[in-house]
Amino acid sequence: MALHPHLRPGLVPALALLAACSAAPEVRWYGSLREVMQERRTGPRVRLDQLLPDEHLYALGALAGLEGEITVLAGEAWVARPIGANAAHTERSSGAEEAACLLVSARVSAWRTVTISASIQYAELDATIAELATAAGVQVDLPFAFRIEGTVRDLRWHVIDGRRIPPGLQGPAVHRAAAVPQAVGQVEAHLLGFHSRTHEGVFTHHGTTTHVHCVIPALQATGHVDHVVVLPGAKVSFAVP
């Protein structure tokens, strides 16, 4: 079996022992990108206290009213809100008082992890995640959650600020203009993503098969990833039954 270019030697033979691809834990979503961006449906679709506490919950999305971003890792909610035009503030939250207009989630108790030996460029992220998931025995024609932990560079993310969206305007370009951009050159980060080939406009953006958020503990920051280069040695994990 040929070695996948992103995997360290010795991993693929072990993965090849998997008898068949397995379906990942069910991915659920509340609201959709299309409803938020095209129909301005930004009211609460789910409260976090309906899903938390739950140590197996992984989720990402946008706060109701587009007041900011949500990322949930192992039941811990990271909530980012904009401060002015160029800054954002992130807090760890129990989720008791938070609601989302868009949230995609999965309850994951087990992960299958591989270590990459080559950088993953942002333009290659969608395809590489699908390839690595297939090699790891994940059934990629169904939605699945994934995580990336390690050193990244040129990480750019944003926190949405619904207050900056003019009345009557809608669409992706309007939302991009309302985002508070953030960036860091190189950092240890945790990326949470959801992959699907069939949910464009639902929980993946137009032209993509992944929706990814970052959590950067050293900077106490979270948000929607706009660009990243994942460096060799990072661990990529896929939700499994």
C-alpha atoms as a PDB file:
ATOM      1  CA  MET A   1       0.000   0.000   0.000  1.00  0.00           C
ATOM      2  CA  ALA A   2       1.471   3.396  -0.974  1.00  0.00           C
ATOM      3  CA  LEU A   3       2.245   5.773   1.856  1.00  0.00           C
ATOM      4  CA  HIS A   4      -0.037   8.796   1.958  1.00  0.00           C
ATOM      5  CA  PRO A   5       2.132  11.922   1.489  1.00  0.00           C
ATOM      6  CA  HIS A   6       0.889  13.529   4.708  1.00  0.00           C
ATOM      7  CA  LEU A   7       1.323  10.494   6.973  1.00  0.00           C
ATOM      8  CA  ARG A   8       4.368   9.471   8.934  1.00  0.00           C
ATOM      9  CA  PRO A   9       5.870   6.079   8.006  1.00  0.00           C
ATOM     10  CA  GLY A  10       4.305   3.201   9.895  1.00  0.00           C
ATOM     11  CA  LEU A  11       0.826   4.681  10.232  1.00  0.00           C
ATOM     12  CA  VAL A  12      -0.746   3.519   6.991  1.00  0.00           C
ATOM     13  CA  PRO A  13      -0.115  -0.220   7.516  1.00  0.00           C
ATOM     14  CA  ALA A  14      -1.912   0.037  10.849  1.00  0.00           C
ATOM     15  CA  LEU A  15      -4.802   1.915   9.287  1.00  0.00           C
ATOM     16  CA  ALA A  16      -4.960  -0.638   6.490  1.00  0.00           C
ATOM     17  CA  LEU A  17      -5.966  -3.271   9.042  1.00  0.00           C
ATOM     18  CA  LEU A  18      -9.386  -1.615   9.243  1.00  0.00           C
ATOM     19  CA  ALA A  19     -11.807  -4.022   7.604  1.00  0.00           C
ATOM     20  CA  ALA A  20     -14.158  -1.353   6.265  1.00  0.00           C
ATOM     21  CA  CYS A  21     -15.011   2.320   6.483  1.00  0.00           C
ATOM     22  CA  SER A  22     -17.102   3.281   9.486  1.00  0.00           C
ATOM     23  CA  ALA A  23     -19.801   5.920   9.826  1.00  0.00           C
ATOM     24  CA  ALA A  24     -18.846   8.788  12.123  1.00  0.00           C
ATOM     25  CA  PRO A  25     -21.101   9.943  14.988  1.00  0.00           C
ATOM     26  CA  GLU A  26     -24.162  11.807  13.738  1.00  0.00           C
ATOM     27  CA  VAL A  27     -23.652  15.450  12.818  1.00  0.00           C
ATOM     28  CA  ARG A  28     -26.531  17.734  13.754  1.00  0.00           C
ATOM     29  CA  TRP A  29     -27.124  21.354  12.834  1.00  0.00           C
ATOM     30  CA  TYR A  30     -29.429  24.148  13.907  1.00  0.00           C
ATOM     31  CA  GLY A  31     -30.126  26.888  11.388  1.00  0.00           C
ATOM     32  CA  SER A  32     -28.114  27.154   8.184  1.00  0.00           C
ATOM     33  CA  LEU A  33     -25.646  29.482   6.485  1.00  0.00           C
ATOM     34  CA  ARG A  34     -28.175  30.119   3.733  1.00  0.00           C
ATOM     35  CA  GLU A  35     -30.830  31.190   6.233  1.00  0.00           C
ATOM     36  CA  VAL A  36     -28.402  33.423   8.108  1.00  0.00           C
ATOM     37  CA  MET A  37     -26.743  35.053   5.091  1.00  0.00           C
ATOM     38  CA  GLN A  38     -29.542  35.178   2.529  1.00  0.00           C
ATOM     39  CA  GLU A  39     -32.664  35.392   4.686  1.00  0.00           C
ATOM     40  CA  ARG A  40     -31.246  37.248   7.720  1.00  0.00           C
ATOM     41  CA  ARG A  41     -32.640  34.623  10.065  1.00  0.00           C
ATOM     42  CA  THR A  42     -30.309  35.381  12.944  1.00  0.00           C
ATOM     43  CA  GLY A  43     -32.611  34.704  15.871  1.00  0.00           C
ATOM     44  CA  PRO A  44     -31.901  31.911  18.374  1.00  0.00           C
ATOM     45  CA  ARG A  45     -32.139  28.423  16.880  1.00  0.00           C
ATOM     46  CA  VAL A  46     -30.684  26.522  19.822  1.00  0.00           C
ATOM     47  CA  ARG A  47     -29.555  27.390  23.352  1.00  0.00           C
ATOM     48  CA  LEU A  48     -26.277  25.912  24.499  1.00  0.00           C
ATOM     49  CA  ASP A  49     -27.851  24.834  27.763  1.00  0.00           C
ATOM     50  CA  GLN A  50     -29.994  22.459  25.689  1.00  0.00           C
ATOM     51  CA  LEU A  51     -26.791  20.647  24.705  1.00  0.00           C
ATOM     52  CA  LEU A  52     -24.501  21.263  27.684  1.00  0.00           C
ATOM     53  CA  PRO A  53     -23.137  20.025  30.005  1.00  0.00           C
ATOM     54  CA  ASP A  54     -21.839  17.185  27.832  1.00  0.00           C
ATOM     55  CA  GLU A  55     -18.152  16.277  27.873  1.00  0.00           C
ATOM     56  CA  HIS A  56     -18.504  14.611  24.470  1.00  0.00           C
ATOM     57  CA  LEU A  57     -19.958  17.620  22.644  1.00  0.00           C
ATOM     58  CA  TYR A  58     -17.999  19.298  19.824  1.00  0.00           C
ATOM     59  CA  ALA A  59     -19.660  22.193  18.010  1.00  0.00           C
ATOM     60  CA  LEU A  60     -19.090  25.441  16.169  1.00  0.00           C
ATOM     61  CA  GLY A  61     -21.255  28.275  14.934  1.00  0.00           C
ATOM     62  CA  ALA A  62     -22.419  31.842  15.378  1.00  0.00           C
ATOM     63  CA  LEU A  63     -24.171  33.512  18.287  1.00  0.00           C
ATOM     64  CA  ALA A  64     -27.769  34.622  17.908  1.00  0.00           C
ATOM     65  CA  GLY A  65     -27.972  38.072  16.396  1.00  0.00           C
ATOM     66  CA  LEU A  66     -24.539  37.433  14.883  1.00  0.00           C
ATOM     67  CA  GLU A  67     -23.051  38.779  18.100  1.00  0.00           C
ATOM     68  CA  GLY A  68     -19.955  36.572  17.780  1.00  0.00           C
ATOM     69  CA  GLU A  69     -18.620  33.044  17.384  1.00  0.00           C
ATOM     70  CA  ILE A  70     -18.970  29.789  19.355  1.00  0.00           C
ATOM     71  CA  THR A  71     -16.605  26.817  19.508  1.00  0.00           C
ATOM     72  CA  VAL A  72     -17.238  23.866  21.828  1.00  0.00           C
ATOM     73  CA  LEU A  73     -14.417  21.412  22.580  1.00  0.00           C
ATOM     74  CA  ALA A  74     -15.139  18.393  24.773  1.00  0.00           C
ATOM     75  CA  GLY A  75     -18.085  20.188  26.331  1.00  0.00           C
ATOM     76  CA  GLU A  76     -16.239  23.451  27.009  1.00  0.00           C
ATOM     77  CA  ALA A  77     -17.651  26.472  25.187  1.00  0.00           C
ATOM     78  CA  TRP A  78     -15.370  29.221  23.911  1.00  0.00           C
ATOM     79  CA  VAL A  79     -17.381  32.325  23.034  1.00  0.00           C
ATOM     80  CA  ALA A  80     -15.903  35.285  21.148  1.00  0.00           C
ATOM     81  CA  ARG A  81     -17.516  38.698  20.798  1.00  0.00           C
ATOM     82  CA  PRO A  82     -16.224  41.723  18.868  1.00  0.00           C
ATOM     83  CA  ILE A  83     -14.830  44.746  20.685  1.00  0.00           C
ATOM     84  CA  GLY A  84     -14.846  47.729  18.396  1.00  0.00           C
ATOM     85  CA  ALA A  85     -13.729  47.389  14.779  1.00  0.00           C
ATOM     86  CA  ASN A  86     -10.464  45.524  15.213  1.00  0.00           C
ATOM     87  CA  ALA A  87     -10.558  43.415  18.363  1.00  0.00           C
ATOM     88  CA  ALA A  88     -12.473  40.574  19.946  1.00  0.00           C
ATOM     89  CA  HIS A  89     -12.777  39.110  23.422  1.00  0.00           C
ATOM     90  CA  THR A  90     -13.113  35.377  24.110  1.00  0.00           C
ATOM     91  CA  GLU A  91     -14.426  33.773  27.275  1.00  0.00           C
ATOM     92  CA  ARG A  92     -14.769  30.170  28.342  1.00  0.00           C
ATOM     93  CA  SER A  93     -18.409  29.638  29.141  1.00  0.00           C
ATOM     94  CA  SER A  94     -20.757  27.028  30.571  1.00  0.00           C
ATOM     95  CA  GLY A  95     -23.113  28.045  27.773  1.00  0.00           C
ATOM     96  CA  ALA A  96     -25.976  28.600  30.188  1.00  0.00           C
ATOM     97  CA  GLU A  97     -26.851  32.025  28.791  1.00  0.00           C
ATOM     98  CA  GLU A  98     -25.752  31.602  25.164  1.00  0.00           C
ATOM     99  CA  ALA A  99     -27.858  30.929  22.078  1.00  0.00           C
ATOM    100  CA  ALA A 100     -26.849  30.321  18.471  1.00  0.00           C
ATOM    101  CA  CYS A 101     -28.419  31.235  15.150  1.00  0.00           C
ATOM    102  CA  LEU A 102     -26.209  28.598  13.516  1.00  0.00           C
ATOM    103  CA  LEU A 103     -24.601  25.614  15.185  1.00  0.00           C
ATOM    104  CA  VAL A 104     -23.216  22.340  13.815  1.00  0.00           C
ATOM    105  CA  SER A 105     -22.388  19.672  16.370  1.00  0.00           C
ATOM    106  CA  ALA A 106     -21.538  16.051  17.088  1.00  0.00           C
ATOM    107  CA  ARG A 107     -21.252  13.962  20.233  1.00  0.00           C
ATOM    108  CA  VAL A 108     -17.888  12.240  19.970  1.00  0.00           C
ATOM    109  CA  SER A 109     -16.485   9.813  22.532  1.00  0.00           C
ATOM    110  CA  ALA A 110     -13.747   8.280  20.348  1.00  0.00           C
ATOM    111  CA  TRP A 111     -11.283   9.686  17.816  1.00  0.00           C
ATOM    112  CA  ARG A 112      -8.917   8.064  15.328  1.00  0.00           C
ATOM    113  CA  THR A 113      -5.678  10.077  15.122  1.00  0.00           C
ATOM    114  CA  VAL A 114      -2.881  10.316  12.564  1.00  0.00           C
ATOM    115  CA  THR A 115       0.250  12.474  12.578  1.00  0.00           C
ATOM    116  CA  ILE A 116       1.098  14.387   9.427  1.00  0.00           C
ATOM    117  CA  SER A 117       4.610  14.544   8.001  1.00  0.00           C
ATOM    118  CA  ALA A 118       4.016  17.300   5.432  1.00  0.00           C
ATOM    119  CA  SER A 119       2.455  20.758   5.721  1.00  0.00           C
ATOM    120  CA  ILE A 120      -1.178  21.183   4.764  1.00  0.00           C
ATOM    121  CA  GLN A 121      -1.760  24.381   2.814  1.00  0.00           C
ATOM    122  CA  TYR A 122      -5.127  26.059   3.235  1.00  0.00           C
ATOM    123  CA  ALA A 123      -6.018  25.567  -0.435  1.00  0.00           C
ATOM    124  CA  GLU A 124      -5.475  21.826   0.073  1.00  0.00           C
ATOM    125  CA  LEU A 125      -7.323  21.494   3.369  1.00  0.00           C
ATOM    126  CA  ASP A 126     -10.666  20.209   2.053  1.00  0.00           C
ATOM    127  CA  ALA A 127      -9.095  17.562  -0.168  1.00  0.00           C
ATOM    128  CA  THR A 128      -6.477  16.526   2.395  1.00  0.00           C
ATOM    129  CA  ILE A 129      -9.031  16.051   5.156  1.00  0.00           C
ATOM    130  CA  ALA A 130     -11.093  13.823   2.869  1.00  0.00           C
ATOM    131  CA  GLU A 131      -8.004  11.803   1.849  1.00  0.00           C
ATOM    132  CA  LEU A 132      -6.754  11.368   5.413  1.00  0.00           C
ATOM    133  CA  ALA A 133     -10.238  10.448   6.625  1.00  0.00           C
ATOM    134  CA  THR A 134     -10.557   7.808   3.923  1.00  0.00           C
ATOM    135  CA  ALA A 135      -7.160   6.380   4.893  1.00  0.00           C
ATOM    136  CA  ALA A 136      -8.330   6.335   8.509  1.00  0.00           C
ATOM    137  CA  GLY A 137     -11.420   4.312   7.612  1.00  0.00           C
ATOM    138  CA  VAL A 138     -13.997   7.087   7.892  1.00  0.00           C
ATOM    139  CA  GLN A 139     -17.054   6.935   5.636  1.00  0.00           C
ATOM    140  CA  VAL A 140     -16.517  10.256   3.871  1.00  0.00           C
ATOM    141  CA  ASP A 141     -19.789  10.375   1.950  1.00  0.00           C
ATOM    142  CA  LEU A 142     -21.452  11.216   5.280  1.00  0.00           C
ATOM    143  CA  PRO A 143     -20.740  14.342   7.384  1.00  0.00           C
ATOM    144  CA  PHE A 144     -18.067  13.945  10.063  1.00  0.00           C
ATOM    145  CA  ALA A 145     -16.204  15.973  12.661  1.00  0.00           C
ATOM    146  CA  PHE A 146     -12.423  16.344  12.720  1.00  0.00           C
ATOM    147  CA  ARG A 147      -9.793  18.031  14.862  1.00  0.00           C
ATOM    148  CA  ILE A 148      -6.272  19.290  14.206  1.00  0.00           C
ATOM    149  CA  GLU A 149      -3.883  19.914  17.083  1.00  0.00           C
ATOM    150  CA  GLY A 150      -0.382  21.272  16.694  1.00  0.00           C
ATOM    151  CA  THR A 151       1.673  24.129  15.336  1.00  0.00           C
ATOM    152  CA  VAL A 152       0.174  26.262  12.591  1.00  0.00           C
ATOM    153  CA  ARG A 153       1.338  29.388  10.808  1.00  0.00           C
ATOM    154  CA  ASP A 154      -0.321  32.253   8.965  1.00  0.00           C
ATOM    155  CA  LEU A 155      -3.509  31.624  10.912  1.00  0.00           C
ATOM    156  CA  ARG A 156      -6.244  34.105  10.102  1.00  0.00           C
ATOM    157  CA  TRP A 157      -9.698  34.011  11.629  1.00  0.00           C
ATOM    158  CA  HIS A 158     -12.625  36.326  12.181  1.00  0.00           C
ATOM    159  CA  VAL A 159     -15.358  37.090  14.674  1.00  0.00           C
ATOM    160  CA  ILE A 160     -18.646  38.176  13.123  1.00  0.00           C
ATOM    161  CA  ASP A 161     -20.160  41.480  14.233  1.00  0.00           C
ATOM    162  CA  GLY A 162     -23.821  41.613  13.249  1.00  0.00           C
ATOM    163  CA  ARG A 163     -24.035  45.250  14.316  1.00  0.00           C
ATOM    164  CA  ARG A 164     -21.991  46.152  11.249  1.00  0.00           C
ATOM    165  CA  ILE A 165     -24.445  44.630   8.758  1.00  0.00           C
ATOM    166  CA  PRO A 166     -26.547  47.452   7.244  1.00  0.00           C
ATOM    167  CA  PRO A 167     -30.331  46.960   7.284  1.00  0.00           C
ATOM    168  CA  GLY A 168     -31.626  45.377   4.114  1.00  0.00           C
ATOM    169  CA  LEU A 169     -28.272  44.042   2.944  1.00  0.00           C
ATOM    170  CA  GLN A 170     -27.437  40.346   2.883  1.00  0.00           C
ATOM    171  CA  GLY A 171     -25.118  37.776   1.334  1.00  0.00           C
ATOM    172  CA  PRO A 172     -21.585  36.459   1.932  1.00  0.00           C
ATOM    173  CA  ALA A 173     -19.827  39.672   0.864  1.00  0.00           C
ATOM    174  CA  VAL A 174     -21.834  41.691   3.368  1.00  0.00           C
ATOM    175  CA  HIS A 175     -20.947  39.237   6.131  1.00  0.00           C
ATOM    176  CA  ARG A 176     -17.254  39.299   5.226  1.00  0.00           C
ATOM    177  CA  ALA A 177     -17.294  43.083   5.499  1.00  0.00           C
ATOM    178  CA  ALA A 178     -18.885  42.784   8.948  1.00  0.00           C
ATOM    179  CA  ALA A 179     -16.199  40.425  10.266  1.00  0.00           C
ATOM    180  CA  VAL A 180     -13.527  41.485  12.750  1.00  0.00           C
ATOM    181  CA  PRO A 181     -10.297  39.973  11.358  1.00  0.00           C
ATOM    182  CA  GLN A 182      -7.618  38.477  13.594  1.00  0.00           C
ATOM    183  CA  ALA A 183      -4.245  36.919  12.712  1.00  0.00           C
ATOM    184  CA  VAL A 184      -1.111  35.368  14.175  1.00  0.00           C
ATOM    185  CA  GLY A 185       2.125  34.281  12.498  1.00  0.00           C
ATOM    186  CA  GLN A 186       2.802  30.952  14.234  1.00  0.00           C
ATOM    187  CA  VAL A 187       1.100  29.396  17.243  1.00  0.00           C
ATOM    188  CA  GLU A 188      -0.061  26.189  18.865  1.00  0.00           C
ATOM    189  CA  ALA A 189      -3.719  25.846  18.014  1.00  0.00           C
ATOM    190  CA  HIS A 190      -6.652  23.503  18.138  1.00  0.00           C
ATOM    191  CA  LEU A 191      -8.808  23.451  15.001  1.00  0.00           C
ATOM    192  CA  LEU A 192     -12.281  21.936  15.017  1.00  0.00           C
ATOM    193  CA  GLY A 193     -13.993  21.248  11.728  1.00  0.00           C
ATOM    194  CA  PHE A 194     -16.927  19.541  10.089  1.00  0.00           C
ATOM    195  CA  HIS A 195     -16.648  17.976   6.638  1.00  0.00           C
ATOM    196  CA  SER A 196     -19.483  17.264   4.222  1.00  0.00           C
ATOM    197  CA  ARG A 197     -19.788  16.824   0.490  1.00  0.00           C
ATOM    198  CA  THR A 198     -23.511  17.574   0.526  1.00  0.00           C
ATOM    199  CA  HIS A 199     -24.162  20.453   2.959  1.00  0.00           C
ATOM    200  CA  GLU A 200     -22.907  23.474   1.054  1.00  0.00           C
ATOM    201  CA  GLY A 201     -24.958  26.470   2.162  1.00  0.00           C
ATOM    202  CA  VAL A 202     -26.124  24.528   5.213  1.00  0.00           C
ATOM    203  CA  PHE A 203     -23.013  24.346   7.378  1.00  0.00           C
ATOM    204  CA  THR A 204     -20.217  24.654   4.818  1.00  0.00           C
ATOM    205  CA  HIS A 205     -19.687  27.788   2.758  1.00  0.00           C
ATOM    206  CA  HIS A 206     -20.079  27.945  -1.024  1.00  0.00           C
ATOM    207  CA  GLY A 207     -17.325  26.034  -2.802  1.00  0.00           C
ATOM    208  CA  THR A 208     -16.034  24.265   0.319  1.00  0.00           C
ATOM    209  CA  THR A 209     -16.512  20.917   2.024  1.00  0.00           C
ATOM    210  CA  THR A 210     -15.273  22.015   5.453  1.00  0.00           C
ATOM    211  CA  HIS A 211     -16.233  24.553   8.094  1.00  0.00           C
ATOM    212  CA  VAL A 212     -13.431  25.168  10.590  1.00  0.00           C
ATOM    213  CA  HIS A 213     -13.006  27.149  13.805  1.00  0.00           C
ATOM    214  CA  CYS A 214      -9.837  27.673  15.829  1.00  0.00           C
ATOM    215  CA  VAL A 215      -9.163  27.783  19.539  1.00  0.00           C
ATOM    216  CA  ILE A 216      -5.859  29.349  20.605  1.00  0.00           C
ATOM    217  CA  PRO A 217      -5.402  28.843  24.356  1.00  0.00           C
ATOM    218  CA  ALA A 218      -2.279  31.032  24.580  1.00  0.00           C
ATOM    219  CA  LEU A 219      -4.185  33.976  23.120  1.00  0.00           C
ATOM    220  CA  GLN A 220      -7.530  33.128  24.727  1.00  0.00           C
ATOM    221  CA  ALA A 221      -9.108  33.346  21.266  1.00  0.00           C
ATOM    222  CA  THR A 222     -11.551  31.549  19.018  1.00  0.00           C
ATOM    223  CA  GLY A 223     -13.271  32.242  15.717  1.00  0.00           C
ATOM    224  CA  HIS A 224     -13.960  31.163  12.150  1.00  0.00           C
ATOM    225  CA  VAL A 225     -10.805  30.146  10.259  1.00  0.00           C
ATOM    226  CA  ASP A 226     -10.168  32.060   7.016  1.00  0.00           C
ATOM    227  CA  HIS A 227      -6.661  30.771   6.346  1.00  0.00           C
ATOM    228  CA  VAL A 228      -4.125  28.443   7.957  1.00  0.00           C
ATOM    229  CA  VAL A 229      -1.051  26.366   7.165  1.00  0.00           C
ATOM    230  CA  VAL A 230      -0.819  23.229   9.314  1.00  0.00           C
ATOM    231  CA  LEU A 231       2.803  22.277   9.988  1.00  0.00           C
ATOM    232  CA  PRO A 232       4.356  18.784  10.053  1.00  0.00           C
ATOM    233  CA  GLY A 233       3.905  16.919  13.311  1.00  0.00           C
ATOM    234  CA  ALA A 234       0.339  18.098  13.851  1.00  0.00           C
ATOM    235  CA  LYS A 235      -2.190  15.473  14.867  1.00  0.00           C
ATOM    236  CA  VAL A 236      -5.359  15.095  12.791  1.00  0.00           C
ATOM    237  CA  SER A 237      -8.222  13.241  14.471  1.00  0.00           C
ATOM    238  CA  PHE A 238     -11.482  11.931  13.040  1.00  0.00           C
ATOM    239  CA  ALA A 239     -14.684  11.173  14.931  1.00  0.00           C
ATOM    240  CA  VAL A 240     -15.416   7.424  14.959  1.00  0.00           C
ATOM    241  CA  PRO A 241     -18.167   5.303  16.542  1.00  0.00           C
END
